[in-house]
Amino acid sequence: AGDYAALYSGKAEENYNQQKYLNHPYWNTDEFREGAVCYGRWLYSDLQLRYDTYKKSLIVVTPEKRITLQRKVDYFVIEGQKFVPQGDCFAALLYDSPQMCLTQYIVSTMESQVKKNDLYYSRFKKKSYFSLRSGRTDYVITSRSGFLKLFPTYKKQLKAYCRKERLDFKEDGGVRAMTRLTEYIDSLIHGK
């Protein structure tokens, strides 16, 4: 493990058996992706990572096996997307300025048994949330209307911006639209 020995200290990952589950709880894909981990203010790069949204754990491929990182990670990056600690999980950092911060996190739960081809399987249900920090307060947002309620004095301007820019809150889980809306409200309030 060489210089990466401090990072490789967790326990082995328990895989989700495809004969028991219809889907997976990983962020975007169950494949490992190129990434980096910041731990103890040291950046470890050129790693293969994936993030389990059900167990809320980061998995890294080590020279010998796949392990779950048990230690407190400062942040990690998968394919250019930075993930930061948020409560008991990690969230994708979508927008960050001195006045506002937008993150997205996914909560996975286990659904009851699902029947397919006369066999029963378990399935993960994923729910995506956005968290907007404005000032010292965090707000959980699940939709465009939830966002607009946070800024009632700017509601007309925000609606007009959504129409003008044709922001689609269904496309890509609303990530692009919510990020653009956050950038816009930050510029309105703070004159950026």
Foldseek 3Di string as FASTA:
>chain_A
DPPCVVQPDAAADDDDDVVAEVDFQKDPDPFWAFKWFQDPNDIGGRWTWIAGQAVQWIWTQDPPHIGTGPDDTQWMAGPRFIWGDDPSHIWTWQDDDPFKTKTKGKHKDKDPWDDDPNDTHIYIDIAMWMWMDGDNDIDIDQDPVSVLVVPVVCNVVLVVVCVVVVQDCPPPVNRVVVSVSVVVVCCVVVVD
